[in-house]
Amino acid sequence: MKEGYTIKDQTRAHFITATIVDWIDIFSRQNYRDCIINSLSYCIKNKGMILYGYVIMTNHIHLIVQSEHGELSNLLRDFKKFTATKILDLLHNSPESRREWILERLHKATFTHNRNKNYQVWQYGNHAEEIYSENFLWSKLDYIHLNPVRAGIVTRASDYRYSSASNYVQDNAVLDGVTLADNPIADVLKGWTMVSYNQY
């Protein structure tokens, strides 16, 4: 059975969820979060990625993303393949008290699939949802940006370094190159969004 939703229109922006197998909290460590940031930056500069929003949680990431070249599935496949390789490299070669436990879980995940021989880092599928309207875009941006608030990590969305909330609210973002959503209703919704980010 195919997992998640499929991307039918490769040219359209989509809301994407990518999850580590078994919901392992890989991204509770900064070096793994930085790996994702560096990979997103590379894709924006070199692979035609248009990134409208993102958040890196402890065991999954959300993106609102589009492909300049109309090849979103390929872009996401390459992004996940590259980041999986980098995460495994960090697990093997950086200080990590959970190394054996994590590698064992990533290895066991290969038993039910034949694509990966040694380790599987990401769950299959991206649970892709096409951005079909401006209201849907902004509802997904709010959902992304308020994830760390709902998780109790921060009290204001813009205080969380590993999301695009700071790109929208203030100018101290950890990732350059985020394309700020610009549409006729942006002023109204962005005003509400900025208030909600600062109050939650």
Foldseek 3Di string as FASTA:
>chain_A
DADADDDDFLAFWKKWKWFWPPLAQLVVDPVLLVLLLVLVQCCLVPVQKAWAKKFDGRTMMITGIHGPVSHNVVSVVVSQVVSVVVSLVCLVPPDDPCSVVVQVSQQVVCVVPPPDHRGDTIDPDTNIDGPDDPVSVLVVRLVRQCVCCVVVNDVASLPDQGICPCVLAHPDHPHPNHDHDDDPCCVVSSVVSNVNRVHD
